[in-house]
Amino acid sequence: TLEPPGNPPLELKGGPLVKASTVYDGTVGYLRMSRVESGLAKAVREAWKSIGTNKLVGLVLDLRYVGGDDYAEAAGTADLFLSKERALLNWGQGLVRSTAKDDAIAMPVAVLVNGKTARAAEALAAVLRETGVALLLGGHTAGQAMVAQEFPLKNGQRLRIATASIQVGEQTLLSAQGVKPDISVEVSAAEEQAYFADAY
């Protein structure tokens, strides 16, 4: 894929990694990510604690319009939700597994995805489903989760070439077709952006 110079994609711009956190109806937590990069697992843990975890019966993770290329951080974020050792991700660095722990975030989780959920965010969504942590709601993801090498071009663009697939769990490979949600929500791109900007 070719990426134009200047103006990086929205998910790569600065700002907090957890862009929004709130509680709906007093019992359902909501965390909106901005990108998957170093520090996301810590940010999710802190945001989860800040919204009153003792009252929550479920959690929504919003990965719509989220990208990033830090697959290690995707695995680390998924690890927050698992109390036992499980196979998580392999992005060419060997299979990473979760660690056994007593303080895992243990509650029903829904993950919101769409066609702009890309790269490491796709892998995070896929591994949360693969490990039985979450259901995915929304649209097919972008299909860009891959091990890639980037080459700068003379005109300022960057050429990304896929070199290997991302493995989720013990043997599932992510494909260019993207991750299919468990519950598909059909909505136009314009309507989805409007709801994303203001849910009401």
C-alpha atoms as a PDB file:
ATOM      1  CA  THR A   1       0.000   0.000   0.000  1.00  0.00           C
ATOM      2  CA  LEU A   2       1.111   3.567  -0.638  1.00  0.00           C
ATOM      3  CA  GLU A   3       0.853   6.213   2.056  1.00  0.00           C
ATOM      4  CA  PRO A   4       1.055   9.921   1.086  1.00  0.00           C
ATOM      5  CA  PRO A   5       3.581  12.257   2.678  1.00  0.00           C
ATOM      6  CA  GLY A   6       2.542  14.588   5.498  1.00  0.00           C
ATOM      7  CA  ASN A   7      -0.718  14.336   7.454  1.00  0.00           C
ATOM      8  CA  PRO A   8      -0.401  10.848   8.947  1.00  0.00           C
ATOM      9  CA  PRO A   9      -3.580   8.801   9.434  1.00  0.00           C
ATOM     10  CA  LEU A  10      -5.714   9.944  12.364  1.00  0.00           C
ATOM     11  CA  GLU A  11      -4.738   7.011  14.573  1.00  0.00           C
ATOM     12  CA  LEU A  12      -1.042   7.852  14.330  1.00  0.00           C
ATOM     13  CA  LYS A  13      -1.378  11.412  15.598  1.00  0.00           C
ATOM     14  CA  GLY A  14      -0.529  12.339  19.187  1.00  0.00           C
ATOM     15  CA  GLY A  15      -2.833  12.484  22.160  1.00  0.00           C
ATOM     16  CA  PRO A  16      -3.953   9.935  24.734  1.00  0.00           C
ATOM     17  CA  LEU A  17      -4.046   6.272  23.741  1.00  0.00           C
ATOM     18  CA  VAL A  18      -7.423   5.887  25.460  1.00  0.00           C
ATOM     19  CA  LYS A  19      -9.302   8.777  23.922  1.00  0.00           C
ATOM     20  CA  ALA A  20     -12.515   8.477  25.938  1.00  0.00           C
ATOM     21  CA  SER A  21     -13.799   6.571  28.952  1.00  0.00           C
ATOM     22  CA  THR A  22     -17.238   6.645  30.491  1.00  0.00           C
ATOM     23  CA  VAL A  23     -19.942   4.485  32.079  1.00  0.00           C
ATOM     24  CA  TYR A  24     -23.377   3.990  30.528  1.00  0.00           C
ATOM     25  CA  ASP A  25     -26.431   3.207  32.678  1.00  0.00           C
ATOM     26  CA  GLY A  26     -24.135   2.983  35.684  1.00  0.00           C
ATOM     27  CA  THR A  27     -22.980  -0.521  34.788  1.00  0.00           C
ATOM     28  CA  VAL A  28     -21.420  -0.678  31.304  1.00  0.00           C
ATOM     29  CA  GLY A  29     -17.944   0.742  30.868  1.00  0.00           C
ATOM     30  CA  TYR A  30     -16.809   2.244  27.566  1.00  0.00           C
ATOM     31  CA  LEU A  31     -13.207   2.819  26.455  1.00  0.00           C
ATOM     32  CA  ARG A  32     -12.347   4.372  23.089  1.00  0.00           C
ATOM     33  CA  MET A  33      -8.808   3.769  21.816  1.00  0.00           C
ATOM     34  CA  SER A  34      -6.921   6.111  19.507  1.00  0.00           C
ATOM     35  CA  ARG A  35      -4.102   3.824  18.320  1.00  0.00           C
ATOM     36  CA  VAL A  36      -2.218   0.648  19.264  1.00  0.00           C
ATOM     37  CA  GLU A  37       1.255   1.648  20.316  1.00  0.00           C
ATOM     38  CA  SER A  38       3.567   1.391  23.312  1.00  0.00           C
ATOM     39  CA  GLY A  39       1.730   2.190  26.529  1.00  0.00           C
ATOM     40  CA  LEU A  40      -1.770   1.130  25.443  1.00  0.00           C
ATOM     41  CA  ALA A  41      -2.039  -1.774  27.907  1.00  0.00           C
ATOM     42  CA  LYS A  42      -1.126   0.526  30.801  1.00  0.00           C
ATOM     43  CA  ALA A  43      -3.546   3.197  29.565  1.00  0.00           C
ATOM     44  CA  VAL A  44      -6.393   0.673  29.285  1.00  0.00           C
ATOM     45  CA  ARG A  45      -5.723  -0.678  32.776  1.00  0.00           C
ATOM     46  CA  GLU A  46      -5.695   2.830  34.253  1.00  0.00           C
ATOM     47  CA  ALA A  47      -8.824   3.906  32.378  1.00  0.00           C
ATOM     48  CA  TRP A  48     -10.635   0.745  33.442  1.00  0.00           C
ATOM     49  CA  LYS A  49      -9.798   1.417  37.084  1.00  0.00           C
ATOM     50  CA  SER A  50     -10.871   5.053  36.792  1.00  0.00           C
ATOM     51  CA  ILE A  51     -14.447   4.261  35.737  1.00  0.00           C
ATOM     52  CA  GLY A  52     -15.391   2.385  38.920  1.00  0.00           C
ATOM     53  CA  THR A  53     -14.712  -1.259  38.224  1.00  0.00           C
ATOM     54  CA  ASN A  54     -16.685  -2.593  41.218  1.00  0.00           C
ATOM     55  CA  LYS A  55     -19.995  -1.462  39.645  1.00  0.00           C
ATOM     56  CA  LEU A  56     -19.412  -2.672  36.094  1.00  0.00           C
ATOM     57  CA  VAL A  57     -21.124  -5.714  34.592  1.00  0.00           C
ATOM     58  CA  GLY A  58     -19.628  -5.313  31.113  1.00  0.00           C
ATOM     59  CA  LEU A  59     -17.097  -3.372  29.071  1.00  0.00           C
ATOM     60  CA  VAL A  60     -17.129  -1.972  25.518  1.00  0.00           C
ATOM     61  CA  LEU A  61     -13.801  -1.434  23.761  1.00  0.00           C
ATOM     62  CA  ASP A  62     -14.121   0.876  20.766  1.00  0.00           C
ATOM     63  CA  LEU A  63     -11.531   0.059  18.096  1.00  0.00           C
ATOM     64  CA  ARG A  64     -13.276   1.860  15.237  1.00  0.00           C
ATOM     65  CA  TYR A  65     -10.892   4.089  13.257  1.00  0.00           C
ATOM     66  CA  VAL A  66      -7.936   2.645  15.214  1.00  0.00           C
ATOM     67  CA  GLY A  67      -4.665   1.482  13.682  1.00  0.00           C
ATOM     68  CA  GLY A  68      -1.070   1.188  14.806  1.00  0.00           C
ATOM     69  CA  ASP A  69       1.725  -1.269  14.168  1.00  0.00           C
ATOM     70  CA  ASP A  70       2.718  -2.359  17.678  1.00  0.00           C
ATOM     71  CA  TYR A  71       1.702  -6.011  17.740  1.00  0.00           C
ATOM     72  CA  ALA A  72       3.525  -6.551  21.036  1.00  0.00           C
ATOM     73  CA  GLU A  73       1.271  -3.914  22.609  1.00  0.00           C
ATOM     74  CA  ALA A  74      -1.796  -5.564  21.074  1.00  0.00           C
ATOM     75  CA  ALA A  75      -0.768  -8.809  22.788  1.00  0.00           C
ATOM     76  CA  GLY A  76      -0.063  -6.959  26.039  1.00  0.00           C
ATOM     77  CA  THR A  77      -3.479  -5.306  25.966  1.00  0.00           C
ATOM     78  CA  ALA A  78      -5.230  -8.615  25.304  1.00  0.00           C
ATOM     79  CA  ASP A  79      -3.265 -10.127  28.200  1.00  0.00           C
ATOM     80  CA  LEU A  80      -5.095  -7.774  30.602  1.00  0.00           C
ATOM     81  CA  PHE A  81      -8.273  -9.800  30.086  1.00  0.00           C
ATOM     82  CA  LEU A  82      -6.892 -13.316  30.591  1.00  0.00           C
ATOM     83  CA  SER A  83      -6.319 -14.995  33.944  1.00  0.00           C
ATOM     84  CA  LYS A  84      -4.731 -18.135  32.461  1.00  0.00           C
ATOM     85  CA  GLU A  85      -1.921 -18.751  30.012  1.00  0.00           C
ATOM     86  CA  ARG A  86      -3.212 -18.716  26.427  1.00  0.00           C
ATOM     87  CA  ALA A  87      -1.653 -18.372  22.981  1.00  0.00           C
ATOM     88  CA  LEU A  88      -2.089 -14.784  21.782  1.00  0.00           C
ATOM     89  CA  LEU A  89      -0.149 -13.538  18.756  1.00  0.00           C
ATOM     90  CA  ASN A  90       2.786 -14.292  16.523  1.00  0.00           C
ATOM     91  CA  TRP A  91       3.986 -11.490  14.235  1.00  0.00           C
ATOM     92  CA  GLY A  92       7.285 -13.129  13.303  1.00  0.00           C
ATOM     93  CA  GLN A  93       8.807 -12.821  16.768  1.00  0.00           C
ATOM     94  CA  GLY A  94       7.573 -16.162  18.075  1.00  0.00           C
ATOM     95  CA  LEU A  95       4.215 -16.967  19.665  1.00  0.00           C
ATOM     96  CA  VAL A  96       3.432 -14.664  22.588  1.00  0.00           C
ATOM     97  CA  ARG A  97       1.280 -16.071  25.389  1.00  0.00           C
ATOM     98  CA  SER A  98      -0.724 -14.468  28.172  1.00  0.00           C
ATOM     99  CA  THR A  99       0.430 -14.844  31.761  1.00  0.00           C
ATOM    100  CA  ALA A 100      -1.514 -16.408  34.624  1.00  0.00           C
ATOM    101  CA  LYS A 101      -2.738 -13.689  36.979  1.00  0.00           C
ATOM    102  CA  ASP A 102      -5.299 -12.940  39.691  1.00  0.00           C
ATOM    103  CA  ASP A 103      -6.138  -9.393  38.587  1.00  0.00           C
ATOM    104  CA  ALA A 104      -7.374  -9.966  35.024  1.00  0.00           C
ATOM    105  CA  ILE A 105     -10.266  -7.802  33.811  1.00  0.00           C
ATOM    106  CA  ALA A 106     -12.928 -10.493  34.082  1.00  0.00           C
ATOM    107  CA  MET A 107     -16.284  -9.411  32.652  1.00  0.00           C
ATOM    108  CA  PRO A 108     -18.206  -9.636  29.379  1.00  0.00           C
ATOM    109  CA  VAL A 109     -16.519  -7.543  26.681  1.00  0.00           C
ATOM    110  CA  ALA A 110     -17.831  -6.198  23.371  1.00  0.00           C
ATOM    111  CA  VAL A 111     -15.390  -4.812  20.801  1.00  0.00           C
ATOM    112  CA  LEU A 112     -16.586  -2.306  18.190  1.00  0.00           C
ATOM    113  CA  VAL A 113     -14.826  -2.601  14.810  1.00  0.00           C
ATOM    114  CA  ASN A 114     -15.275  -1.215  11.304  1.00  0.00           C
ATOM    115  CA  GLY A 115     -13.510  -0.925   7.962  1.00  0.00           C
ATOM    116  CA  LYS A 116     -11.057   1.545   9.463  1.00  0.00           C
ATOM    117  CA  THR A 117      -9.972  -0.839  12.231  1.00  0.00           C
ATOM    118  CA  ALA A 118      -6.541  -1.671  10.871  1.00  0.00           C
ATOM    119  CA  ARG A 119      -3.249  -3.483  11.464  1.00  0.00           C
ATOM    120  CA  ALA A 120      -2.467  -4.040  15.166  1.00  0.00           C
ATOM    121  CA  ALA A 121      -6.004  -2.996  16.151  1.00  0.00           C
ATOM    122  CA  GLU A 122      -7.363  -5.802  13.958  1.00  0.00           C
ATOM    123  CA  ALA A 123      -5.019  -8.244  15.661  1.00  0.00           C
ATOM    124  CA  LEU A 124      -6.152  -7.030  19.096  1.00  0.00           C
ATOM    125  CA  ALA A 125      -9.809  -7.502  18.167  1.00  0.00           C
ATOM    126  CA  ALA A 126      -9.119 -10.937  16.671  1.00  0.00           C
ATOM    127  CA  VAL A 127      -7.172 -12.235  19.660  1.00  0.00           C
ATOM    128  CA  LEU A 128      -9.819 -11.026  22.132  1.00  0.00           C
ATOM    129  CA  ARG A 129     -12.379 -13.073  20.197  1.00  0.00           C
ATOM    130  CA  GLU A 130     -10.061 -16.065  19.670  1.00  0.00           C
ATOM    131  CA  THR A 131      -9.431 -16.345  23.409  1.00  0.00           C
ATOM    132  CA  GLY A 132     -13.134 -16.123  24.245  1.00  0.00           C
ATOM    133  CA  VAL A 133     -12.856 -12.711  25.902  1.00  0.00           C
ATOM    134  CA  ALA A 134     -15.059 -10.692  23.562  1.00  0.00           C
ATOM    135  CA  LEU A 135     -17.690 -10.537  20.860  1.00  0.00           C
ATOM    136  CA  LEU A 136     -16.966  -8.291  17.873  1.00  0.00           C
ATOM    137  CA  LEU A 137     -19.679  -5.925  16.641  1.00  0.00           C
ATOM    138  CA  GLY A 138     -19.689  -3.726  13.547  1.00  0.00           C
ATOM    139  CA  GLY A 139     -18.207  -4.231  10.093  1.00  0.00           C
ATOM    140  CA  HIS A 140     -15.336  -6.167   8.546  1.00  0.00           C
ATOM    141  CA  THR A 141     -11.958  -4.740   9.550  1.00  0.00           C
ATOM    142  CA  ALA A 142      -9.512  -3.317   6.995  1.00  0.00           C
ATOM    143  CA  GLY A 143      -7.547  -6.499   6.286  1.00  0.00           C
ATOM    144  CA  GLN A 144      -4.181  -4.802   6.843  1.00  0.00           C
ATOM    145  CA  ALA A 145      -2.871  -6.886   9.742  1.00  0.00           C
ATOM    146  CA  MET A 146       0.448  -8.196   8.438  1.00  0.00           C
ATOM    147  CA  VAL A 147       4.157  -8.208   8.999  1.00  0.00           C
ATOM    148  CA  ALA A 148       5.316  -5.511   6.606  1.00  0.00           C
ATOM    149  CA  GLN A 149       8.484  -3.797   5.513  1.00  0.00           C
ATOM    150  CA  GLU A 150       8.392  -0.112   4.614  1.00  0.00           C
ATOM    151  CA  PHE A 151      10.398   1.552   1.872  1.00  0.00           C
ATOM    152  CA  PRO A 152      10.615   5.346   1.411  1.00  0.00           C
ATOM    153  CA  LEU A 153      10.110   6.577  -2.149  1.00  0.00           C
ATOM    154  CA  LYS A 154      11.737   9.612  -3.789  1.00  0.00           C
ATOM    155  CA  ASN A 155       8.413  11.447  -4.037  1.00  0.00           C
ATOM    156  CA  GLY A 156       7.925  11.321  -0.244  1.00  0.00           C
ATOM    157  CA  GLN A 157       5.473   8.441  -0.221  1.00  0.00           C
ATOM    158  CA  ARG A 158       6.138   5.202   1.658  1.00  0.00           C
ATOM    159  CA  LEU A 159       5.640   1.740   0.149  1.00  0.00           C
ATOM    160  CA  ARG A 160       4.587  -0.999   2.593  1.00  0.00           C
ATOM    161  CA  ILE A 161       5.105  -4.570   1.406  1.00  0.00           C
ATOM    162  CA  ALA A 162       3.622  -7.515   3.305  1.00  0.00           C
ATOM    163  CA  THR A 163       6.212 -10.125   4.198  1.00  0.00           C
ATOM    164  CA  ALA A 164       4.237 -12.478   6.482  1.00  0.00           C
ATOM    165  CA  SER A 165       0.813 -13.056   8.018  1.00  0.00           C
ATOM    166  CA  ILE A 166      -0.142 -12.396  11.622  1.00  0.00           C
ATOM    167  CA  GLN A 167      -1.020 -15.530  13.571  1.00  0.00           C
ATOM    168  CA  VAL A 168      -3.759 -15.366  16.197  1.00  0.00           C
ATOM    169  CA  GLY A 169      -3.827 -18.096  18.827  1.00  0.00           C
ATOM    170  CA  GLU A 170      -2.244 -21.423  18.007  1.00  0.00           C
ATOM    171  CA  GLN A 171      -2.850 -21.429  14.244  1.00  0.00           C
ATOM    172  CA  THR A 172      -5.372 -18.874  12.923  1.00  0.00           C
ATOM    173  CA  LEU A 173      -3.891 -16.529  10.302  1.00  0.00           C
ATOM    174  CA  LEU A 174      -5.371 -13.107   9.652  1.00  0.00           C
ATOM    175  CA  SER A 175      -6.151 -12.482   5.995  1.00  0.00           C
ATOM    176  CA  ALA A 176      -6.535  -9.556   3.622  1.00  0.00           C
ATOM    177  CA  GLN A 177     -10.311 -10.022   3.896  1.00  0.00           C
ATOM    178  CA  GLY A 178     -10.150  -8.581   7.402  1.00  0.00           C
ATOM    179  CA  VAL A 179     -11.751  -9.832  10.585  1.00  0.00           C
ATOM    180  CA  LYS A 180     -15.463 -10.625  10.290  1.00  0.00           C
ATOM    181  CA  PRO A 181     -17.525  -9.401  13.261  1.00  0.00           C
ATOM    182  CA  ASP A 182     -19.678 -11.801  15.255  1.00  0.00           C
ATOM    183  CA  ILE A 183     -22.598  -9.385  14.952  1.00  0.00           C
ATOM    184  CA  SER A 184     -22.636  -7.374  11.734  1.00  0.00           C
ATOM    185  CA  VAL A 185     -23.977  -3.819  11.873  1.00  0.00           C
ATOM    186  CA  GLU A 186     -24.766  -2.364   8.461  1.00  0.00           C
ATOM    187  CA  VAL A 187     -24.422   1.423   8.389  1.00  0.00           C
ATOM    188  CA  SER A 188     -23.183   3.900   5.802  1.00  0.00           C
ATOM    189  CA  ALA A 189     -19.730   5.428   6.253  1.00  0.00           C
ATOM    190  CA  ALA A 190     -21.229   8.912   6.653  1.00  0.00           C
ATOM    191  CA  GLU A 191     -23.709   7.782   9.316  1.00  0.00           C
ATOM    192  CA  GLU A 192     -21.047   5.833  11.169  1.00  0.00           C
ATOM    193  CA  GLN A 193     -18.721   8.842  11.290  1.00  0.00           C
ATOM    194  CA  ALA A 194     -21.583  10.994  12.546  1.00  0.00           C
ATOM    195  CA  TYR A 195     -22.454   8.517  15.314  1.00  0.00           C
ATOM    196  CA  PHE A 196     -18.784   8.136  16.174  1.00  0.00           C
ATOM    197  CA  ALA A 197     -18.437  11.916  16.596  1.00  0.00           C
ATOM    198  CA  ASP A 198     -21.647  12.151  18.643  1.00  0.00           C
ATOM    199  CA  ALA A 199     -23.505   9.031  19.711  1.00  0.00           C
ATOM    200  CA  TYR A 200     -26.620  11.112  20.437  1.00  0.00           C
END
